[in-house]
Amino acid sequence: MTEVLQIVLYSLGSILLIVLIILGIKLIVTVDKINVTVDNINTKINSLNGFFQVIDFTSNKIATLSDKLVDNISSLIAKVFNRKKEEEDDYE
């Protein structure tokens, strides 16, 4: 009885070891495919970096220009309202 149990356990252990080896090999192959895909994606993203830098530079320049324009308009409006106050103060 003990010999039969040992044979069953050894055979199940061998089967389990073979299954784990097969799964390990499949996992290695899958990881290699994922690495190739990730490298491909990184290459494509790096090729777009120049395009995004141009867009970033342009948006920064437009923001600077609009800030200057808003500052000039607001200072012009402030001068107009200050003149009206000064004129009202002069009449009093």
N, C-alpha and C. Protein backbone atom coordinates (compact mmCIF):
# COMPACT_ATOMS: atom_id res chain seq x y z
N MET A 1 0.81 -1.19 0.00
CA MET A 1 0.00 0.00 0.00
C MET A 1 0.86 1.26 0.00
N THR A 2 1.93 1.23 0.78
CA THR A 2 2.81 2.39 0.87
C THR A 2 3.55 2.60 -0.45
N GLU A 3 3.91 1.52 -1.09
CA GLU A 3 4.62 1.64 -2.37
C GLU A 3 3.72 2.24 -3.44
N VAL A 4 2.47 1.91 -3.44
CA VAL A 4 1.52 2.45 -4.42
C VAL A 4 1.36 3.94 -4.21
N LEU A 5 1.24 4.35 -2.93
CA LEU A 5 1.08 5.77 -2.61
C LEU A 5 2.32 6.56 -3.04
N GLN A 6 3.50 6.00 -2.84
CA GLN A 6 4.73 6.67 -3.26
C GLN A 6 4.78 6.81 -4.78
N ILE A 7 4.38 5.79 -5.49
CA ILE A 7 4.39 5.84 -6.95
C ILE A 7 3.41 6.90 -7.45
N VAL A 8 2.23 6.98 -6.83
CA VAL A 8 1.23 7.98 -7.22
C VAL A 8 1.76 9.39 -6.94
N LEU A 9 2.35 9.59 -5.77
CA LEU A 9 2.89 10.91 -5.42
C LEU A 9 4.04 11.31 -6.35
N TYR A 10 4.93 10.39 -6.65
CA TYR A 10 6.05 10.70 -7.55
C TYR A 10 5.55 11.03 -8.96
N SER A 11 4.56 10.28 -9.42
CA SER A 11 4.05 10.53 -10.77
C SER A 11 3.32 11.88 -10.81
N LEU A 12 2.53 12.21 -9.79
CA LEU A 12 1.86 13.51 -9.74
C LEU A 12 2.87 14.65 -9.61
N GLY A 13 3.91 14.44 -8.84
CA GLY A 13 4.97 15.45 -8.72
C GLY A 13 5.68 15.67 -10.03
N SER A 14 5.93 14.59 -10.77
CA SER A 14 6.58 14.70 -12.08
C SER A 14 5.69 15.45 -13.06
N ILE A 15 4.40 15.14 -13.06
CA ILE A 15 3.46 15.82 -13.94
C ILE A 15 3.40 17.32 -13.59
N LEU A 16 3.35 17.61 -12.29
CA LEU A 16 3.31 19.01 -11.86
C LEU A 16 4.58 19.74 -12.28
N LEU A 17 5.72 19.12 -12.16
CA LEU A 17 6.98 19.73 -12.56
C LEU A 17 7.01 19.99 -14.05
N ILE A 18 6.54 19.05 -14.86
CA ILE A 18 6.50 19.23 -16.31
C ILE A 18 5.56 20.37 -16.68
N VAL A 19 4.39 20.45 -16.04
CA VAL A 19 3.43 21.53 -16.32
C VAL A 19 4.03 22.88 -15.95
N LEU A 20 4.70 22.97 -14.82
CA LEU A 20 5.32 24.23 -14.41
C LEU A 20 6.44 24.65 -15.37
N ILE A 21 7.19 23.68 -15.87
CA ILE A 21 8.25 24.00 -16.84
C ILE A 21 7.63 24.55 -18.13
N ILE A 22 6.58 23.92 -18.60
CA ILE A 22 5.90 24.38 -19.83
C ILE A 22 5.34 25.78 -19.62
N LEU A 23 4.68 26.03 -18.48
CA LEU A 23 4.14 27.36 -18.20
C LEU A 23 5.25 28.41 -18.09
N GLY A 24 6.38 28.03 -17.51
CA GLY A 24 7.52 28.95 -17.42
C GLY A 24 8.06 29.33 -18.79
N ILE A 25 8.15 28.36 -19.69
CA ILE A 25 8.62 28.63 -21.05
C ILE A 25 7.64 29.54 -21.79
N LYS A 26 6.35 29.27 -21.65
CA LYS A 26 5.35 30.12 -22.29
C LYS A 26 5.39 31.53 -21.72
N LEU A 27 5.63 31.65 -20.43
CA LEU A 27 5.73 32.97 -19.80
C LEU A 27 6.93 33.74 -20.33
N ILE A 28 8.05 33.08 -20.52
CA ILE A 28 9.25 33.72 -21.06
C ILE A 28 9.00 34.22 -22.48
N VAL A 29 8.35 33.40 -23.30
CA VAL A 29 8.03 33.79 -24.67
C VAL A 29 7.10 35.00 -24.68
N THR A 30 6.10 34.99 -23.80
CA THR A 30 5.15 36.11 -23.73
C THR A 30 5.85 37.39 -23.29
N VAL A 31 6.73 37.30 -22.32
CA VAL A 31 7.47 38.47 -21.85
C VAL A 31 8.37 39.02 -22.96
N ASP A 32 8.97 38.17 -23.74
CA ASP A 32 9.79 38.62 -24.87
C ASP A 32 8.94 39.37 -25.90
N LYS A 33 7.76 38.86 -26.19
CA LYS A 33 6.87 39.56 -27.13
C LYS A 33 6.44 40.91 -26.58
N ILE A 34 6.16 40.98 -25.29
CA ILE A 34 5.77 42.25 -24.66
C ILE A 34 6.93 43.24 -24.72
N ASN A 35 8.15 42.77 -24.50
CA ASN A 35 9.32 43.66 -24.57
C ASN A 35 9.49 44.24 -25.97
N VAL A 36 9.28 43.42 -27.00
CA VAL A 36 9.39 43.91 -28.38
C VAL A 36 8.32 44.97 -28.64
N THR A 37 7.12 44.72 -28.17
CA THR A 37 6.03 45.68 -28.36
C THR A 37 6.30 46.99 -27.63
N VAL A 38 6.79 46.91 -26.41
CA VAL A 38 7.10 48.11 -25.64
C VAL A 38 8.24 48.90 -26.30
N ASP A 39 9.25 48.21 -26.81
CA ASP A 39 10.34 48.90 -27.51
C ASP A 39 9.81 49.61 -28.75
N ASN A 40 8.91 48.97 -29.48
CA ASN A 40 8.31 49.57 -30.66
C ASN A 40 7.52 50.83 -30.29
N ILE A 41 6.75 50.75 -29.22
CA ILE A 41 5.96 51.90 -28.78
C ILE A 41 6.89 53.03 -28.34
N ASN A 42 7.96 52.72 -27.62
CA ASN A 42 8.91 53.75 -27.19
C ASN A 42 9.55 54.44 -28.39
N THR A 43 9.87 53.69 -29.41
CA THR A 43 10.46 54.28 -30.62
C THR A 43 9.49 55.25 -31.28
N LYS A 44 8.23 54.84 -31.37
CA LYS A 44 7.22 55.71 -31.99
C LYS A 44 6.98 56.96 -31.15
N ILE A 45 6.97 56.84 -29.83
CA ILE A 45 6.76 57.99 -28.96
C ILE A 45 7.94 58.95 -29.08
N ASN A 46 9.15 58.42 -29.11
CA ASN A 46 10.33 59.28 -29.23
C ASN A 46 10.35 60.02 -30.56
N SER A 47 9.79 59.43 -31.60
CA SER A 47 9.76 60.12 -32.89
C SER A 47 8.78 61.29 -32.86
N LEU A 48 7.81 61.28 -31.95
CA LEU A 48 6.85 62.37 -31.84
C LEU A 48 7.28 63.47 -30.87
N ASN A 49 8.39 63.29 -30.15
CA ASN A 49 8.82 64.28 -29.18
C ASN A 49 9.10 65.63 -29.82
N GLY A 50 9.71 65.66 -30.99
CA GLY A 50 9.99 66.92 -31.67
C GLY A 50 8.72 67.68 -32.00
N PHE A 51 7.71 66.96 -32.45
CA PHE A 51 6.44 67.58 -32.78
C PHE A 51 5.80 68.21 -31.54
N PHE A 52 5.83 67.50 -30.42
CA PHE A 52 5.26 68.03 -29.20
C PHE A 52 6.07 69.21 -28.66
N GLN A 53 7.37 69.22 -28.87
CA GLN A 53 8.18 70.36 -28.44
C GLN A 53 7.83 71.60 -29.24
N VAL A 54 7.57 71.45 -30.52
CA VAL A 54 7.17 72.59 -31.35
C VAL A 54 5.82 73.13 -30.88
N ILE A 55 4.89 72.25 -30.60
CA ILE A 55 3.57 72.67 -30.11
C ILE A 55 3.71 73.38 -28.76
N ASP A 56 4.54 72.86 -27.88
CA ASP A 56 4.75 73.47 -26.57
C ASP A 56 5.37 74.86 -26.72
N PHE A 57 6.38 74.99 -27.56
CA PHE A 57 7.04 76.28 -27.79
C PHE A 57 6.04 77.30 -28.35
N THR A 58 5.23 76.87 -29.31
CA THR A 58 4.24 77.77 -29.92
C THR A 58 3.20 78.21 -28.90
N SER A 59 2.71 77.28 -28.10
CA SER A 59 1.69 77.65 -27.11
C SER A 59 2.27 78.59 -26.06
N ASN A 60 3.53 78.41 -25.68
CA ASN A 60 4.17 79.32 -24.73
C ASN A 60 4.29 80.73 -25.30
N LYS A 61 4.66 80.83 -26.57
CA LYS A 61 4.78 82.15 -27.20
C LYS A 61 3.43 82.83 -27.33
N ILE A 62 2.41 82.07 -27.68
CA ILE A 62 1.06 82.63 -27.80
C ILE A 62 0.57 83.10 -26.43
N ALA A 63 0.84 82.34 -25.39
CA ALA A 63 0.43 82.73 -24.04
C ALA A 63 1.15 84.00 -23.60
N THR A 64 2.44 84.11 -23.91
CA THR A 64 3.19 85.32 -23.57
C THR A 64 2.64 86.52 -24.31
N LEU A 65 2.36 86.36 -25.58
CA LEU A 65 1.82 87.45 -26.39
C LEU A 65 0.45 87.88 -25.87
N SER A 66 -0.41 86.93 -25.55
CA SER A 66 -1.75 87.28 -25.04
C SER A 66 -1.65 87.95 -23.67
N ASP A 67 -0.71 87.53 -22.83
CA ASP A 67 -0.52 88.18 -21.53
C ASP A 67 -0.11 89.64 -21.70
N LYS A 68 0.81 89.89 -22.62
CA LYS A 68 1.24 91.27 -22.86
C LYS A 68 0.08 92.10 -23.40
N LEU A 69 -0.71 91.54 -24.29
CA LEU A 69 -1.84 92.24 -24.86
C LEU A 69 -2.87 92.58 -23.78
N VAL A 70 -3.17 91.66 -22.92
CA VAL A 70 -4.12 91.89 -21.83
C VAL A 70 -3.59 92.95 -20.87
N ASP A 71 -2.29 92.90 -20.56
CA ASP A 71 -1.70 93.91 -19.69
C ASP A 71 -1.81 95.30 -20.30
N ASN A 72 -1.54 95.42 -21.58
CA ASN A 72 -1.61 96.72 -22.24
C ASN A 72 -3.05 97.24 -22.26
N ILE A 73 -3.99 96.38 -22.56
CA ILE A 73 -5.39 96.80 -22.60
C ILE A 73 -5.86 97.20 -21.21
N SER A 74 -5.51 96.44 -20.20
CA SER A 74 -5.94 96.77 -18.84
C SER A 74 -5.30 98.07 -18.35
N SER A 75 -4.04 98.32 -18.70
CA SER A 75 -3.42 99.58 -18.30
C SER A 75 -4.05 100.75 -19.04
N LEU A 76 -4.43 100.56 -20.29
CA LEU A 76 -5.12 101.61 -21.04
C LEU A 76 -6.47 101.92 -20.41
N ILE A 77 -7.22 100.91 -20.04
CA ILE A 77 -8.52 101.12 -19.39
C ILE A 77 -8.33 101.80 -18.04
N ALA A 78 -7.30 101.40 -17.30
CA ALA A 78 -7.04 102.03 -16.00
C ALA A 78 -6.71 103.50 -16.17
N LYS A 79 -5.95 103.87 -17.19
CA LYS A 79 -5.61 105.26 -17.44
C LYS A 79 -6.85 106.07 -17.78
N VAL A 80 -7.76 105.51 -18.58
CA VAL A 80 -8.99 106.22 -18.95
C VAL A 80 -9.83 106.49 -17.70
N PHE A 81 -9.99 105.52 -16.83
CA PHE A 81 -10.80 105.71 -15.63
C PHE A 81 -10.11 106.65 -14.65
N ASN A 82 -8.79 106.63 -14.58
CA ASN A 82 -8.08 107.53 -13.69
C ASN A 82 -8.21 108.97 -14.17
N ARG A 83 -8.22 109.22 -15.46
CA ARG A 83 -8.41 110.57 -16.00
C ARG A 83 -9.78 111.11 -15.62
N LYS A 84 -10.80 110.27 -15.73
CA LYS A 84 -12.15 110.72 -15.37
C LYS A 84 -12.21 111.08 -13.90
N LYS A 85 -11.55 110.31 -13.04
CA LYS A 85 -11.53 110.62 -11.61
C LYS A 85 -10.81 111.94 -11.38
N GLU A 86 -9.68 112.13 -12.06
CA GLU A 86 -8.91 113.36 -11.89
C GLU A 86 -9.72 114.56 -12.36
N GLU A 87 -10.44 114.42 -13.47
CA GLU A 87 -11.26 115.51 -13.98
C GLU A 87 -12.39 115.83 -13.01
N GLU A 88 -12.99 114.82 -12.40
CA GLU A 88 -14.06 115.03 -11.43
C GLU A 88 -13.50 115.70 -10.18
N ASP A 89 -12.30 115.33 -9.77
CA ASP A 89 -11.67 115.93 -8.60
C ASP A 89 -11.32 117.41 -8.87
N ASP A 90 -10.94 117.74 -10.10
CA ASP A 90 -10.59 119.10 -10.44
C ASP A 90 -11.81 120.00 -10.37
N TYR A 91 -12.98 119.53 -10.73
CA TYR A 91 -14.19 120.36 -10.73
C TYR A 91 -14.70 120.62 -9.32
N GLU A 92 -14.38 119.80 -8.42
CA GLU A 92 -14.87 119.96 -7.06
C GLU A 92 -14.03 120.92 -6.36
